Amino acid sequence: MARYYVNKKAQANGDHEVHTSTCSFLPKVDNRIYLGDFSSCKSAVREAKKHYSTANGCYYCSNECHTS
């Protein structure tokens, strides 16, 4: 299980990236929403889409769920 967060600030392409708690690119506390603990990024991205329809996995920590 990993702890996941979604970035409140969208990337240039409009995506709100989903990160693990150990990601080097994890946003600062005031720029993220805690999603919960999940066994895969797929579940975390599904949860993030309840907040932002454009949620997407981080290229670095959730690459399996990252779309270009």
PDB file of N, CA and C in Angstrom:
ATOM      1  N   MET A   1       0.840  -1.186   0.000  1.00  0.00           N
ATOM      2  CA  MET A   1       0.000   0.000   0.000  1.00  0.00           C
ATOM      3  C   MET A   1       0.885   1.249   0.000  1.00  0.00           C
ATOM      4  N   ALA A   2       0.411   2.236  -0.699  1.00  0.00           N
ATOM      5  CA  ALA A   2       1.115   3.521  -0.729  1.00  0.00           C
ATOM      6  C   ALA A   2       0.111   4.624  -0.453  1.00  0.00           C
ATOM      7  N   ARG A   3       0.592   5.703   0.087  1.00  0.00           N
ATOM      8  CA  ARG A   3      -0.231   6.884   0.376  1.00  0.00           C
ATOM      9  C   ARG A   3      -0.186   7.789  -0.852  1.00  0.00           C
ATOM     10  N   TYR A   4      -1.348   8.210  -1.335  1.00  0.00           N
ATOM     11  CA  TYR A   4      -1.444   8.992  -2.569  1.00  0.00           C
ATOM     12  C   TYR A   4      -2.063  10.362  -2.327  1.00  0.00           C
ATOM     13  N   TYR A   5      -1.608  11.313  -3.161  1.00  0.00           N
ATOM     14  CA  TYR A   5      -2.094  12.685  -3.127  1.00  0.00           C
ATOM     15  C   TYR A   5      -2.323  13.154  -4.558  1.00  0.00           C
ATOM     16  N   VAL A   6      -3.210  14.123  -4.718  1.00  0.00           N
ATOM     17  CA  VAL A   6      -3.392  14.752  -6.029  1.00  0.00           C
ATOM     18  C   VAL A   6      -3.013  16.230  -5.892  1.00  0.00           C
ATOM     19  N   ASN A   7      -2.340  16.719  -6.901  1.00  0.00           N
ATOM     20  CA  ASN A   7      -1.908  18.113  -6.943  1.00  0.00           C
ATOM     21  C   ASN A   7      -3.113  19.004  -7.227  1.00  0.00           C
ATOM     22  N   LYS A   8      -3.325  20.024  -6.395  1.00  0.00           N
ATOM     23  CA  LYS A   8      -4.417  20.976  -6.609  1.00  0.00           C
ATOM     24  C   LYS A   8      -4.167  21.848  -7.826  1.00  0.00           C
ATOM     25  N   LYS A   9      -2.902  22.090  -8.141  1.00  0.00           N
ATOM     26  CA  LYS A   9      -2.547  22.935  -9.284  1.00  0.00           C
ATOM     27  C   LYS A   9      -2.380  22.068 -10.522  1.00  0.00           C
ATOM     28  N   ALA A  10      -3.046  22.443 -11.576  1.00  0.00           N
ATOM     29  CA  ALA A  10      -2.952  21.699 -12.832  1.00  0.00           C
ATOM     30  C   ALA A  10      -1.613  21.951 -13.520  1.00  0.00           C
ATOM     31  N   GLN A  11      -1.157  20.964 -14.253  1.00  0.00           N
ATOM     32  CA  GLN A  11       0.028  21.114 -15.086  1.00  0.00           C
ATOM     33  C   GLN A  11      -0.334  22.000 -16.289  1.00  0.00           C
ATOM     34  N   ALA A  12       0.623  22.334 -17.104  1.00  0.00           N
ATOM     35  CA  ALA A  12       0.384  23.176 -18.280  1.00  0.00           C
ATOM     36  C   ALA A  12      -0.661  22.567 -19.216  1.00  0.00           C
ATOM     37  N   ASN A  13      -0.739  21.238 -19.252  1.00  0.00           N
ATOM     38  CA  ASN A  13      -1.694  20.555 -20.136  1.00  0.00           C
ATOM     39  C   ASN A  13      -3.064  20.369 -19.482  1.00  0.00           C
ATOM     40  N   GLY A  14      -3.224  20.851 -18.238  1.00  0.00           N
ATOM     41  CA  GLY A  14      -4.510  20.755 -17.550  1.00  0.00           C
ATOM     42  C   GLY A  14      -4.645  19.573 -16.609  1.00  0.00           C
ATOM     43  N   ASP A  15      -3.672  18.669 -16.601  1.00  0.00           N
ATOM     44  CA  ASP A  15      -3.725  17.491 -15.737  1.00  0.00           C
ATOM     45  C   ASP A  15      -3.415  17.837 -14.284  1.00  0.00           C
ATOM     46  N   HIS A  16      -4.109  17.173 -13.378  1.00  0.00           N
ATOM     47  CA  HIS A  16      -3.812  17.231 -11.947  1.00  0.00           C
ATOM     48  C   HIS A  16      -3.127  15.909 -11.624  1.00  0.00           C
ATOM     49  N   GLU A  17      -1.831  15.950 -11.346  1.00  0.00           N
ATOM     50  CA  GLU A  17      -1.055  14.729 -11.183  1.00  0.00           C
ATOM     51  C   GLU A  17      -1.252  14.075  -9.819  1.00  0.00           C
ATOM     52  N   VAL A  18      -1.273  12.751  -9.852  1.00  0.00           N
ATOM     53  CA  VAL A  18      -1.381  11.928  -8.647  1.00  0.00           C
ATOM     54  C   VAL A  18       0.018  11.445  -8.284  1.00  0.00           C
ATOM     55  N   HIS A  19       0.397  11.636  -7.010  1.00  0.00           N
ATOM     56  CA  HIS A  19       1.731  11.295  -6.525  1.00  0.00           C
ATOM     57  C   HIS A  19       1.654  10.399  -5.291  1.00  0.00           C
ATOM     58  N   THR A  20       2.703   9.610  -5.106  1.00  0.00           N
ATOM     59  CA  THR A  20       2.860   8.874  -3.853  1.00  0.00           C
ATOM     60  C   THR A  20       3.514   9.804  -2.830  1.00  0.00           C
ATOM     61  N   SER A  21       3.414   9.429  -1.570  1.00  0.00           N
ATOM     62  CA  SER A  21       3.985  10.258  -0.503  1.00  0.00           C
ATOM     63  C   SER A  21       5.502  10.335  -0.566  1.00  0.00           C
ATOM     64  N   THR A  22       6.145   9.420  -1.282  1.00  0.00           N
ATOM     65  CA  THR A  22       7.602   9.391  -1.369  1.00  0.00           C
ATOM     66  C   THR A  22       8.147   9.995  -2.669  1.00  0.00           C
ATOM     67  N   CYS A  23       7.273  10.542  -3.485  1.00  0.00           N
ATOM     68  CA  CYS A  23       7.687  11.090  -4.779  1.00  0.00           C
ATOM     69  C   CYS A  23       8.508  12.367  -4.610  1.00  0.00           C
ATOM     70  N   SER A  24       9.542  12.509  -5.407  1.00  0.00           N
ATOM     71  CA  SER A  24      10.371  13.718  -5.402  1.00  0.00           C
ATOM     72  C   SER A  24       9.590  14.948  -5.866  1.00  0.00           C
ATOM     73  N   PHE A  25       8.500  14.713  -6.595  1.00  0.00           N
ATOM     74  CA  PHE A  25       7.709  15.810  -7.143  1.00  0.00           C
ATOM     75  C   PHE A  25       6.396  16.027  -6.387  1.00  0.00           C
ATOM     76  N   LEU A  26       6.278  15.454  -5.201  1.00  0.00           N
ATOM     77  CA  LEU A  26       5.092  15.643  -4.369  1.00  0.00           C
ATOM     78  C   LEU A  26       4.919  17.126  -4.069  1.00  0.00           C
ATOM     79  N   PRO A  27       3.731  17.680  -4.337  1.00  0.00           N
ATOM     80  CA  PRO A  27       3.518  19.109  -4.070  1.00  0.00           C
ATOM     81  C   PRO A  27       3.567  19.428  -2.576  1.00  0.00           C
ATOM     82  N   LYS A  28       3.765  20.694  -2.265  1.00  0.00           N
ATOM     83  CA  LYS A  28       3.769  21.142  -0.869  1.00  0.00           C
ATOM     84  C   LYS A  28       2.391  20.881  -0.259  1.00  0.00           C
ATOM     85  N   VAL A  29       2.343  20.824   1.051  1.00  0.00           N
ATOM     86  CA  VAL A  29       1.132  20.469   1.789  1.00  0.00           C
ATOM     87  C   VAL A  29      -0.085  21.288   1.356  1.00  0.00           C
ATOM     88  N   ASP A  30       0.081  22.582   1.146  1.00  0.00           N
ATOM     89  CA  ASP A  30      -1.065  23.425   0.788  1.00  0.00           C
ATOM     90  C   ASP A  30      -1.501  23.280  -0.670  1.00  0.00           C
ATOM     91  N   ASN A  31      -0.746  22.525  -1.466  1.00  0.00           N
ATOM     92  CA  ASN A  31      -1.084  22.331  -2.880  1.00  0.00           C
ATOM     93  C   ASN A  31      -1.475  20.898  -3.203  1.00  0.00           C
ATOM     94  N   ARG A  32      -1.877  20.134  -2.205  1.00  0.00           N
ATOM     95  CA  ARG A  32      -2.242  18.748  -2.480  1.00  0.00           C
ATOM     96  C   ARG A  32      -3.440  18.313  -1.642  1.00  0.00           C
ATOM     97  N   ILE A  33      -4.117  17.287  -2.142  1.00  0.00           N
ATOM     98  CA  ILE A  33      -5.252  16.681  -1.450  1.00  0.00           C
ATOM     99  C   ILE A  33      -4.903  15.218  -1.199  1.00  0.00           C
ATOM    100  N   TYR A  34      -5.057  14.804   0.056  1.00  0.00           N
ATOM    101  CA  TYR A  34      -4.809  13.403   0.407  1.00  0.00           C
ATOM    102  C   TYR A  34      -5.937  12.551  -0.165  1.00  0.00           C
ATOM    103  N   LEU A  35      -5.577  11.499  -0.883  1.00  0.00           N
ATOM    104  CA  LEU A  35      -6.564  10.615  -1.500  1.00  0.00           C
ATOM    105  C   LEU A  35      -6.818   9.351  -0.683  1.00  0.00           C
ATOM    106  N   GLY A  36      -5.788   8.877   0.007  1.00  0.00           N
ATOM    107  CA  GLY A  36      -5.909   7.648   0.776  1.00  0.00           C
ATOM    108  C   GLY A  36      -4.746   6.722   0.486  1.00  0.00           C
ATOM    109  N   ASP A  37      -4.814   5.536   1.082  1.00  0.00           N
ATOM    110  CA  ASP A  37      -3.804   4.505   0.866  1.00  0.00           C
ATOM    111  C   ASP A  37      -4.370   3.486  -0.117  1.00  0.00           C
ATOM    112  N   PHE A  38      -3.622   3.223  -1.176  1.00  0.00           N
ATOM    113  CA  PHE A  38      -4.080   2.318  -2.226  1.00  0.00           C
ATOM    114  C   PHE A  38      -2.982   1.342  -2.603  1.00  0.00           C
ATOM    115  N   SER A  39      -3.388   0.187  -3.105  1.00  0.00           N
ATOM    116  CA  SER A  39      -2.422  -0.825  -3.524  1.00  0.00           C
ATOM    117  C   SER A  39      -1.908  -0.563  -4.935  1.00  0.00           C
ATOM    118  N   SER A  40      -2.570   0.342  -5.674  1.00  0.00           N
ATOM    119  CA  SER A  40      -2.095   0.678  -7.020  1.00  0.00           C
ATOM    120  C   SER A  40      -2.481   2.112  -7.365  1.00  0.00           C
ATOM    121  N   CYS A  41      -1.768   2.652  -8.338  1.00  0.00           N
ATOM    122  CA  CYS A  41      -2.067   4.017  -8.766  1.00  0.00           C
ATOM    123  C   CYS A  41      -3.412   4.087  -9.477  1.00  0.00           C
ATOM    124  N   LYS A  42      -3.868   2.972 -10.037  1.00  0.00           N
ATOM    125  CA  LYS A  42      -5.153   2.973 -10.743  1.00  0.00           C
ATOM    126  C   LYS A  42      -6.284   3.367  -9.799  1.00  0.00           C
ATOM    127  N   SER A  43      -6.286   2.796  -8.614  1.00  0.00           N
ATOM    128  CA  SER A  43      -7.316   3.133  -7.625  1.00  0.00           C
ATOM    129  C   SER A  43      -7.172   4.582  -7.170  1.00  0.00           C
ATOM    130  N   ALA A  44      -5.935   5.038  -7.020  1.00  0.00           N
ATOM    131  CA  ALA A  44      -5.681   6.413  -6.585  1.00  0.00           C
ATOM    132  C   ALA A  44      -6.146   7.412  -7.642  1.00  0.00           C
ATOM    133  N   VAL A  45      -5.880   7.145  -8.894  1.00  0.00           N
ATOM    134  CA  VAL A  45      -6.310   8.042  -9.969  1.00  0.00           C
ATOM    135  C   VAL A  45      -7.834   8.054 -10.049  1.00  0.00           C
ATOM    136  N   ARG A  46      -8.460   6.909  -9.876  1.00  0.00           N
ATOM    137  CA  ARG A  46      -9.926   6.834  -9.867  1.00  0.00           C
ATOM    138  C   ARG A  46     -10.489   7.744  -8.763  1.00  0.00           C
ATOM    139  N   GLU A  47      -9.879   7.692  -7.588  1.00  0.00           N
ATOM    140  CA  GLU A  47     -10.303   8.543  -6.475  1.00  0.00           C
ATOM    141  C   GLU A  47     -10.048  10.021  -6.791  1.00  0.00           C
ATOM    142  N   ALA A  48      -8.912  10.319  -7.406  1.00  0.00           N
ATOM    143  CA  ALA A  48      -8.565  11.701  -7.746  1.00  0.00           C
ATOM    144  C   ALA A  48      -9.541  12.293  -8.755  1.00  0.00           C
ATOM    145  N   LYS A  49     -10.082  11.461  -9.631  1.00  0.00           N
ATOM    146  CA  LYS A  49     -11.029  11.939 -10.646  1.00  0.00           C
ATOM    147  C   LYS A  49     -12.340  12.412 -10.017  1.00  0.00           C
ATOM    148  N   LYS A  50     -12.573  12.081  -8.751  1.00  0.00           N
ATOM    149  CA  LYS A  50     -13.736  12.617  -8.033  1.00  0.00           C
ATOM    150  C   LYS A  50     -13.517  14.101  -7.731  1.00  0.00           C
ATOM    151  N   HIS A  51     -12.270  14.512  -7.682  1.00  0.00           N
ATOM    152  CA  HIS A  51     -11.912  15.915  -7.444  1.00  0.00           C
ATOM    153  C   HIS A  51     -11.655  16.652  -8.759  1.00  0.00           C
ATOM    154  N   TYR A  52     -10.913  15.991  -9.647  1.00  0.00           N
ATOM    155  CA  TYR A  52     -10.511  16.609 -10.921  1.00  0.00           C
ATOM    156  C   TYR A  52     -10.664  15.577 -12.037  1.00  0.00           C
ATOM    157  N   SER A  53     -11.493  15.876 -13.012  1.00  0.00           N
ATOM    158  CA  SER A  53     -11.716  14.914 -14.105  1.00  0.00           C
ATOM    159  C   SER A  53     -10.456  14.677 -14.928  1.00  0.00           C
ATOM    160  N   THR A  54      -9.502  15.590 -14.836  1.00  0.00           N
ATOM    161  CA  THR A  54      -8.266  15.476 -15.617  1.00  0.00           C
ATOM    162  C   THR A  54      -7.117  14.886 -14.792  1.00  0.00           C
ATOM    163  N   ALA A  55      -7.426  14.155 -13.733  1.00  0.00           N
ATOM    164  CA  ALA A  55      -6.369  13.540 -12.918  1.00  0.00           C
ATOM    165  C   ALA A  55      -5.590  12.525 -13.757  1.00  0.00           C
ATOM    166  N   ASN A  56      -4.287  12.455 -13.485  1.00  0.00           N
ATOM    167  CA  ASN A  56      -3.385  11.599 -14.253  1.00  0.00           C
ATOM    168  C   ASN A  56      -2.237  11.196 -13.334  1.00  0.00           C
ATOM    169  N   GLY A  57      -1.700  10.018 -13.542  1.00  0.00           N
ATOM    170  CA  GLY A  57      -0.577   9.556 -12.736  1.00  0.00           C
ATOM    171  C   GLY A  57       0.701  10.331 -13.035  1.00  0.00           C
ATOM    172  N   CYS A  58       1.499  10.550 -12.020  1.00  0.00           N
ATOM    173  CA  CYS A  58       2.800  11.188 -12.176  1.00  0.00           C
ATOM    174  C   CYS A  58       3.717  10.298 -13.021  1.00  0.00           C
ATOM    175  N   TYR A  59       4.444  10.893 -13.927  1.00  0.00           N
ATOM    176  CA  TYR A  59       5.372  10.153 -14.783  1.00  0.00           C
ATOM    177  C   TYR A  59       6.417   9.407 -13.954  1.00  0.00           C
ATOM    178  N   TYR A  60       6.834   9.981 -12.839  1.00  0.00           N
ATOM    179  CA  TYR A  60       7.935   9.429 -12.054  1.00  0.00           C
ATOM    180  C   TYR A  60       7.506   8.402 -11.009  1.00  0.00           C
ATOM    181  N   CYS A  61       6.439   8.668 -10.278  1.00  0.00           N
ATOM    182  CA  CYS A  61       6.075   7.748  -9.189  1.00  0.00           C
ATOM    183  C   CYS A  61       4.845   6.890  -9.497  1.00  0.00           C
ATOM    184  N   SER A  62       4.070   7.268 -10.500  1.00  0.00           N
ATOM    185  CA  SER A  62       2.855   6.523 -10.873  1.00  0.00           C
ATOM    186  C   SER A  62       2.826   6.332 -12.379  1.00  0.00           C
ATOM    187  N   ASN A  63       3.955   5.942 -12.939  1.00  0.00           N
ATOM    188  CA  ASN A  63       4.121   5.864 -14.384  1.00  0.00           C
ATOM    189  C   ASN A  63       3.117   4.936 -15.052  1.00  0.00           C
ATOM    190  N   GLU A  64       2.754   3.872 -14.372  1.00  0.00           N
ATOM    191  CA  GLU A  64       1.783   2.915 -14.923  1.00  0.00           C
ATOM    192  C   GLU A  64       0.455   3.620 -15.236  1.00  0.00           C
ATOM    193  N   CYS A  65       0.153   4.690 -14.520  1.00  0.00           N
ATOM    194  CA  CYS A  65      -1.102   5.427 -14.687  1.00  0.00           C
ATOM    195  C   CYS A  65      -0.920   6.750 -15.410  1.00  0.00           C
ATOM    196  N   HIS A  66       0.276   6.996 -15.899  1.00  0.00           N
ATOM    197  CA  HIS A  66       0.559   8.239 -16.614  1.00  0.00           C
ATOM    198  C   HIS A  66       0.188   8.091 -18.082  1.00  0.00           C
ATOM    199  N   THR A  67      -0.559   9.071 -18.599  1.00  0.00           N
ATOM    200  CA  THR A  67      -0.847   9.095 -20.027  1.00  0.00           C
ATOM    201  C   THR A  67      -0.268  10.383 -20.594  1.00  0.00           C
ATOM    202  N   SER A  68       0.219  10.342 -21.815  1.00  0.00           N
ATOM    203  CA  SER A  68       0.853  11.522 -22.390  1.00  0.00           C
ATOM    204  C   SER A  68      -0.136  12.525 -22.899  1.00  0.00           C
TER     205      SER A  68
END
